[in-house]
Protein backbone atom coordinates (compact mmCIF):
# COMPACT_ATOMS: atom_id res chain seq x y z
CA MET A 1 133.06 37.88 59.36
CA ARG A 2 136.84 38.63 58.82
CA THR A 3 138.51 39.73 62.03
CA ARG A 4 142.19 39.73 60.96
CA ASP A 5 143.49 43.32 61.46
CA ALA A 6 140.13 44.45 62.93
CA TRP A 7 139.69 46.97 65.80
CA LEU A 8 137.58 46.09 68.78
CA LEU A 9 136.05 48.35 71.44
CA VAL A 10 135.43 46.86 74.80
CA THR A 11 133.71 48.47 77.88
CA GLY A 12 136.14 46.88 80.33
CA GLU A 13 139.44 45.05 80.43
CA PRO A 14 139.07 41.65 78.88
CA CYS A 15 139.76 38.53 81.07
CA LEU A 16 142.62 36.25 80.17
CA LEU A 17 140.52 33.75 78.13
CA CYS A 18 138.88 36.61 76.19
CA ALA A 19 142.29 38.18 75.49
CA LYS A 20 143.63 34.79 74.04
CA LEU A 21 140.50 34.74 71.88
CA ILE A 22 140.97 38.20 70.71
CA HIS A 23 144.68 37.59 69.90
CA HIS A 24 143.98 34.40 68.00
CA ALA A 25 141.17 36.12 66.09
CA GLY A 26 143.85 38.29 64.60
CA ILE A 27 142.50 41.60 66.06
CA GLN A 28 145.18 44.22 65.84
CA ARG A 29 143.91 46.86 68.12
CA VAL A 30 141.65 46.87 71.30
CA LEU A 31 140.14 50.11 72.48
CA VAL A 32 139.52 49.68 76.27
CA VAL A 33 137.19 52.14 78.12
CA ALA A 34 139.24 53.51 80.88
CA GLY A 35 137.58 53.02 84.23
CA GLY A 36 134.81 51.09 82.47
CA TYR A 37 133.37 47.85 83.77
CA VAL A 38 135.91 46.27 86.18
CA GLY A 39 137.20 42.77 85.23
CA GLU A 40 140.23 40.68 85.04
CA ASN A 41 143.19 42.10 83.21
CA GLY A 42 144.06 40.45 79.91
CA CYS A 43 145.55 43.65 78.55
CA THR A 44 149.09 42.56 79.63
CA TYR A 45 148.62 39.41 77.58
CA LEU A 46 147.44 41.37 74.48
CA VAL A 47 150.45 43.65 74.64
CA GLU A 48 152.78 40.88 75.05
CA HIS A 49 151.44 39.20 71.95
CA GLY A 50 151.55 42.31 69.70
CA VAL A 51 148.01 43.65 70.05
CA GLU A 52 147.75 47.35 70.51
CA VAL A 53 145.80 48.33 73.52
CA VAL A 54 144.42 51.91 73.65
CA GLN A 55 142.54 53.37 76.78
CA VAL A 56 139.67 55.64 75.62
CA GLU A 57 136.93 57.49 77.64
CA GLY A 58 133.53 56.04 77.78
CA PRO A 59 130.76 54.92 80.19
CA GLN A 60 131.81 54.04 83.72
CA ASP A 61 131.02 51.04 85.77
CA PRO A 62 127.90 52.09 87.88
CA ARG A 63 128.92 49.59 90.61
CA ALA A 64 132.07 51.52 91.28
């Protein structure tokens, strides 16, 4: 499946390794559920490498 210029919706912030995989897959925009599942922050890496990161509303982490 082609991923270049695709959008990705994630229920929590991706870890650094996942962020690198997202970037190298050519994904252009990542929609991150604000307050969703808590994890390591790869969003900084994505932004620094030209991937647009957008916070959206969605399901919350029940552990919080």
